[in-house]
Amino acid sequence: MSDEQNEPVPLDDRAPAPWPSVDAPARERRAGLTLVAVFLAAQLVMVAASVVVLLAFGTGDPALLEDGLLLALLVVPTSVGAVVAVLGVARLGSGPKAGRARRELAVRWNGRDIGIGVAFGLGGLVLTLPAAALWAAWVGDEQATSAVGDVFAGRELGPVAAAVTFLVVWLVAPLGEEVLFRGVLWRALEHWRWNRWVVFAVTSLAFSFAHLELLRTPLLLVLSIPIGLARLFTGNLLASVVAHQVNNFLPAVALLLATTGALP
């Protein structure tokens, strides 16, 4: 071997040392915090959208709105909040940009998971229907209605408005709420490496309290159990969406019958 090969390489000619890799736990903490911020931003947008709809039509009482405007109050806040959440996750979520929102929100088109969601939704009715009856007996019939039920109480809608209300309560509202609570918030807590049962409990509590119906909070917590379990056991947001929609079907039918005059 020649003397040139044995000579040390001058310090200035050496390749620069690579930057240390980002600490994975710190990266996950930041990712979780980012998604919590997205979740809170979507919640604020929902509140702001509700205020805008009410102010735009000159009343703070939803019961005084005309049918179309009342439907706007029912549809717009949840829909806009869910869209903000999905866009926020797509822009700020972790991982490769391609498919980021679908991956972060755990959206997978899987027939087995959808079937599990249906099963949890139907099985949940066995739990929630008696719970709702007991709750109504406890608080009294006058206090047993939801905020949506109170708004539509005694109101008869046209066929189109009644059908739209039915579809929103049955399909749209559960989709929007699941994107927020068992999509964005759930994933944020997963980034923080929380135990999955703790994630289930926290998101169920957040869902129950976020309705701002303190008297109904215990019932909402019971209603959220089968929905959260569908998400927990499948790891698929669509399973909890379907379970929630199955759970909302009977209330949506009752509202449809009431607003078309088929029920007293």
Protein backbone atom coordinates (compact mmCIF):
# COMPACT_ATOMS: atom_id res chain seq x y z
CA MET A 1 0.00 0.00 0.00
CA SER A 2 1.43 3.43 -0.95
CA ASP A 3 2.19 6.21 1.49
CA GLU A 4 -0.53 8.33 -0.14
CA GLN A 5 -3.16 5.75 0.76
CA ASN A 6 -1.99 5.74 4.37
CA GLU A 7 -2.11 9.48 4.77
CA PRO A 8 -5.07 10.72 6.89
CA VAL A 9 -7.77 12.62 5.08
CA PRO A 10 -7.65 16.35 5.95
CA LEU A 11 -10.49 17.38 8.25
CA ASP A 12 -11.84 19.92 5.81
CA ASP A 13 -12.10 17.30 3.05
CA ARG A 14 -14.16 14.81 5.03
CA ALA A 15 -17.84 14.37 4.18
CA PRO A 16 -20.05 16.28 6.64
CA ALA A 17 -21.62 14.17 9.35
CA PRO A 18 -25.34 13.59 8.79
CA TRP A 19 -27.80 15.49 10.91
CA PRO A 20 -29.18 13.41 13.75
CA SER A 21 -32.57 11.89 12.94
CA VAL A 22 -35.61 13.50 14.46
CA ASP A 23 -36.60 11.80 17.67
CA ALA A 24 -39.56 9.58 16.80
CA PRO A 25 -41.49 10.09 20.08
CA ALA A 26 -41.12 13.86 19.75
CA ARG A 27 -42.34 13.68 16.16
CA GLU A 28 -45.37 11.66 17.23
CA ARG A 29 -46.14 14.14 20.01
CA ARG A 30 -46.08 17.00 17.55
CA ALA A 31 -48.27 15.07 15.12
CA GLY A 32 -50.82 14.44 17.88
CA LEU A 33 -50.78 18.07 18.96
CA THR A 34 -51.31 19.17 15.37
CA LEU A 35 -54.37 16.95 15.02
CA VAL A 36 -55.78 18.21 18.33
CA ALA A 37 -55.43 21.72 16.91
CA VAL A 38 -57.25 20.60 13.75
CA PHE A 39 -60.01 19.07 15.87
CA LEU A 40 -60.44 22.25 17.94
CA ALA A 41 -60.38 24.42 14.82
CA ALA A 42 -63.14 22.31 13.27
CA GLN A 43 -65.21 22.63 16.46
CA LEU A 44 -64.81 26.41 16.41
CA VAL A 45 -65.79 26.51 12.75
CA MET A 46 -68.96 24.58 13.58
CA VAL A 47 -69.89 27.11 16.28
CA ALA A 48 -69.08 30.02 13.97
CA ALA A 49 -71.16 28.51 11.16
CA SER A 50 -74.14 28.14 13.51
CA VAL A 51 -73.83 31.76 14.61
CA VAL A 52 -73.52 32.96 11.01
CA VAL A 53 -76.68 31.08 9.96
CA LEU A 54 -78.64 32.49 12.89
CA LEU A 55 -77.39 36.05 12.45
CA ALA A 56 -77.88 35.96 8.69
CA PHE A 57 -81.56 35.34 9.16
CA GLY A 58 -82.07 37.69 12.06
CA THR A 59 -82.99 35.35 14.90
CA GLY A 60 -81.21 33.59 17.71
CA ASP A 61 -84.01 31.06 18.10
CA PRO A 62 -83.82 28.10 15.69
CA ALA A 63 -87.51 27.37 16.31
CA LEU A 64 -88.41 30.63 14.56
CA LEU A 65 -86.55 29.84 11.34
CA GLU A 66 -88.35 28.87 8.18
CA ASP A 67 -88.02 25.26 7.05
CA GLY A 68 -85.19 25.81 4.56
CA LEU A 69 -83.17 27.96 6.92
CA LEU A 70 -83.68 25.51 9.73
CA LEU A 71 -82.29 22.79 7.50
CA ALA A 72 -79.30 25.01 6.79
CA LEU A 73 -78.69 25.27 10.52
CA LEU A 74 -78.93 21.49 10.76
CA VAL A 75 -76.67 20.71 7.80
CA VAL A 76 -74.11 23.50 7.43
CA PRO A 77 -72.23 23.53 10.77
CA THR A 78 -71.54 19.78 10.93
CA SER A 79 -70.73 19.54 7.22
CA VAL A 80 -68.40 22.53 7.23
CA GLY A 81 -66.70 21.34 10.42
CA ALA A 82 -66.07 17.90 8.91
CA VAL A 83 -64.71 19.40 5.70
CA VAL A 84 -62.35 21.66 7.68
CA ALA A 85 -61.18 18.62 9.66
CA VAL A 86 -60.48 16.53 6.56
CA LEU A 87 -58.67 19.39 4.81
CA GLY A 88 -56.68 20.10 7.95
CA VAL A 89 -55.60 16.48 8.25
CA ALA A 90 -54.73 16.33 4.54
CA ARG A 91 -52.59 19.47 4.86
CA LEU A 92 -51.07 19.04 8.32
CA GLY A 93 -51.21 15.33 9.10
CA SER A 94 -48.11 13.18 9.27
CA GLY A 95 -46.68 10.86 6.65
CA PRO A 96 -46.55 11.08 2.86
CA LYS A 97 -48.95 13.58 1.34
CA ALA A 98 -50.51 11.04 -1.03
CA GLY A 99 -53.44 9.43 0.76
CA ARG A 100 -52.64 11.25 3.99
CA ALA A 101 -56.21 12.09 5.03
CA ARG A 102 -57.44 8.57 4.32
CA ARG A 103 -54.50 7.05 6.19
CA GLU A 104 -54.61 9.38 9.20
CA LEU A 105 -58.38 9.06 9.56
CA ALA A 106 -58.20 5.26 9.13
CA VAL A 107 -60.67 5.10 6.26
CA ARG A 108 -60.67 1.70 4.54
CA TRP A 109 -63.32 0.25 2.27
CA ASN A 110 -63.56 -3.18 3.86
CA GLY A 111 -66.76 -5.19 3.74
CA ARG A 112 -65.94 -7.11 6.89
CA ASP A 113 -65.40 -3.91 8.88
CA ILE A 114 -68.63 -2.43 7.53
CA GLY A 115 -70.46 -5.57 8.62
CA ILE A 116 -68.94 -5.27 12.09
CA GLY A 117 -70.13 -1.68 12.20
CA VAL A 118 -73.67 -2.77 11.33
CA ALA A 119 -73.50 -5.48 13.98
CA PHE A 120 -72.32 -3.06 16.66
CA GLY A 121 -75.00 -0.59 15.62
CA LEU A 122 -77.76 -3.19 15.86
CA GLY A 123 -76.35 -4.70 19.03
CA GLY A 124 -76.04 -1.24 20.48
CA LEU A 125 -79.78 -0.73 20.11
CA VAL A 126 -80.26 -3.52 22.64
CA LEU A 127 -78.30 -1.35 25.06
CA THR A 128 -79.41 2.12 24.07
CA LEU A 129 -83.17 1.63 23.73
CA PRO A 130 -83.63 0.46 27.35
CA ALA A 131 -81.17 3.14 28.46
CA ALA A 132 -83.21 5.80 26.67
CA ALA A 133 -86.43 4.50 28.26
CA LEU A 134 -84.88 4.53 31.73
CA TRP A 135 -83.46 7.99 31.16
CA ALA A 136 -86.87 9.31 30.02
CA ALA A 137 -88.51 7.81 33.10
CA TRP A 138 -85.86 9.44 35.27
CA VAL A 139 -85.92 12.97 33.83
CA GLY A 140 -89.54 13.01 32.62
CA ASP A 141 -90.94 13.04 29.09
CA GLU A 142 -90.67 16.81 28.76
CA GLN A 143 -86.91 16.68 29.36
CA ALA A 144 -86.31 13.50 27.38
CA THR A 145 -86.00 15.03 23.93
CA SER A 146 -82.79 16.00 22.20
CA ALA A 147 -81.91 19.50 21.05
CA VAL A 148 -82.92 18.55 17.51
CA GLY A 149 -86.18 17.09 18.78
CA ASP A 150 -86.92 20.30 20.68
CA VAL A 151 -86.34 22.42 17.58
CA PHE A 152 -88.68 20.31 15.45
CA ALA A 153 -91.32 19.74 18.15
CA GLY A 154 -94.75 20.66 16.85
CA ARG A 155 -93.36 21.64 13.45
CA GLU A 156 -94.80 20.07 10.31
CA LEU A 157 -92.50 20.12 7.31
CA GLY A 158 -93.12 19.72 3.62
CA PRO A 159 -92.24 16.35 2.09
CA VAL A 160 -88.87 17.49 0.72
CA ALA A 161 -87.81 19.25 3.93
CA ALA A 162 -88.90 16.27 6.02
CA ALA A 163 -86.97 13.87 3.77
CA VAL A 164 -83.83 16.02 3.92
CA THR A 165 -84.11 16.23 7.71
CA PHE A 166 -84.42 12.45 7.89
CA LEU A 167 -81.32 11.93 5.73
CA VAL A 168 -79.28 14.49 7.66
CA VAL A 169 -80.09 12.97 11.05
CA TRP A 170 -79.63 9.43 9.78
CA LEU A 171 -76.56 9.76 7.52
CA VAL A 172 -74.92 13.19 7.40
CA ALA A 173 -74.69 14.09 11.09
CA PRO A 174 -73.13 10.73 12.10
CA LEU A 175 -70.59 11.01 9.29
CA GLY A 176 -69.52 14.50 10.33
CA GLU A 177 -69.34 13.66 14.03
CA GLU A 178 -67.35 10.48 13.43
CA VAL A 179 -64.80 12.28 11.28
CA LEU A 180 -64.21 14.69 14.16
CA PHE A 181 -64.28 12.45 17.22
CA ARG A 182 -63.29 8.96 16.13
CA GLY A 183 -61.30 10.22 13.17
CA VAL A 184 -59.23 13.29 14.00
CA LEU A 185 -59.31 13.18 17.81
CA TRP A 186 -58.85 9.41 17.95
CA ARG A 187 -55.81 9.59 15.67
CA ALA A 188 -54.31 12.45 17.68
CA LEU A 189 -54.39 10.31 20.82
CA GLU A 190 -52.94 7.36 18.91
CA HIS A 191 -50.01 9.56 17.91
CA TRP A 192 -49.44 10.14 21.62
CA ARG A 193 -49.28 6.36 22.11
CA TRP A 194 -52.19 6.28 24.51
CA ASN A 195 -53.66 2.92 25.39
CA ARG A 196 -56.45 2.14 22.94
CA TRP A 197 -59.02 1.72 25.72
CA VAL A 198 -58.07 5.14 27.07
CA VAL A 199 -58.51 6.54 23.55
CA PHE A 200 -61.93 4.89 23.41
CA ALA A 201 -62.92 6.39 26.78
CA VAL A 202 -61.63 9.90 26.06
CA THR A 203 -63.26 10.16 22.64
CA SER A 204 -66.54 8.81 24.02
CA LEU A 205 -66.53 11.42 26.80
CA ALA A 206 -65.60 14.19 24.37
CA PHE A 207 -68.41 13.14 22.04
CA SER A 208 -70.92 13.12 24.88
CA PHE A 209 -69.99 16.51 26.33
CA ALA A 210 -69.54 18.22 22.95
CA HIS A 211 -73.29 18.10 22.33
CA LEU A 212 -73.64 20.70 25.11
CA GLU A 213 -76.72 18.95 26.47
CA LEU A 214 -75.67 18.36 30.06
CA LEU A 215 -78.85 16.58 31.05
CA ARG A 216 -78.45 14.10 28.19
CA THR A 217 -74.70 13.56 28.68
CA PRO A 218 -75.05 10.22 30.54
CA LEU A 219 -77.37 8.91 27.83
CA LEU A 220 -75.07 10.15 25.06
CA LEU A 221 -72.20 8.37 26.77
CA VAL A 222 -74.15 5.10 26.70
CA LEU A 223 -75.04 5.69 23.04
CA SER A 224 -71.39 6.23 22.19
CA ILE A 225 -70.20 2.90 23.62
CA PRO A 226 -71.14 0.60 20.68
CA ILE A 227 -70.01 3.24 18.19
CA GLY A 228 -66.60 3.54 19.81
CA LEU A 229 -66.27 -0.23 20.09
CA ALA A 230 -66.80 -0.56 16.35
CA ARG A 231 -63.88 1.80 15.81
CA LEU A 232 -61.78 0.08 18.46
CA PHE A 233 -62.13 -3.48 17.19
CA THR A 234 -61.79 -2.73 13.47
CA GLY A 235 -59.36 0.18 13.46
CA ASN A 236 -61.56 1.56 10.69
CA LEU A 237 -63.43 4.87 10.88
CA LEU A 238 -66.08 3.62 8.46
CA ALA A 239 -67.14 0.95 10.96
CA SER A 240 -67.98 3.58 13.57
CA VAL A 241 -69.70 5.75 10.94
CA VAL A 242 -71.97 2.85 10.00
CA ALA A 243 -72.60 1.93 13.66
CA HIS A 244 -73.55 5.56 14.36
CA GLN A 245 -75.85 5.67 11.35
CA VAL A 246 -77.57 2.46 12.41
CA ASN A 247 -78.00 3.95 15.88
CA ASN A 248 -79.52 7.13 14.44
CA PHE A 249 -81.92 5.38 12.08
CA LEU A 250 -84.82 4.94 14.51
CA PRO A 251 -84.66 8.53 15.85
CA ALA A 252 -84.50 9.75 12.25
CA VAL A 253 -87.59 7.71 11.35
CA ALA A 254 -89.44 9.02 14.40
CA LEU A 255 -88.53 12.60 13.42
CA LEU A 256 -89.69 11.96 9.85
CA LEU A 257 -93.04 10.65 11.03
CA ALA A 258 -93.47 13.53 13.49
CA THR A 259 -92.60 16.26 10.99
CA THR A 260 -94.93 14.84 8.32
CA GLY A 261 -97.88 14.59 10.72
CA ALA A 262 -97.89 10.80 10.79
CA LEU A 263 -97.28 10.91 14.55
CA PRO A 264 -99.04 13.20 17.01
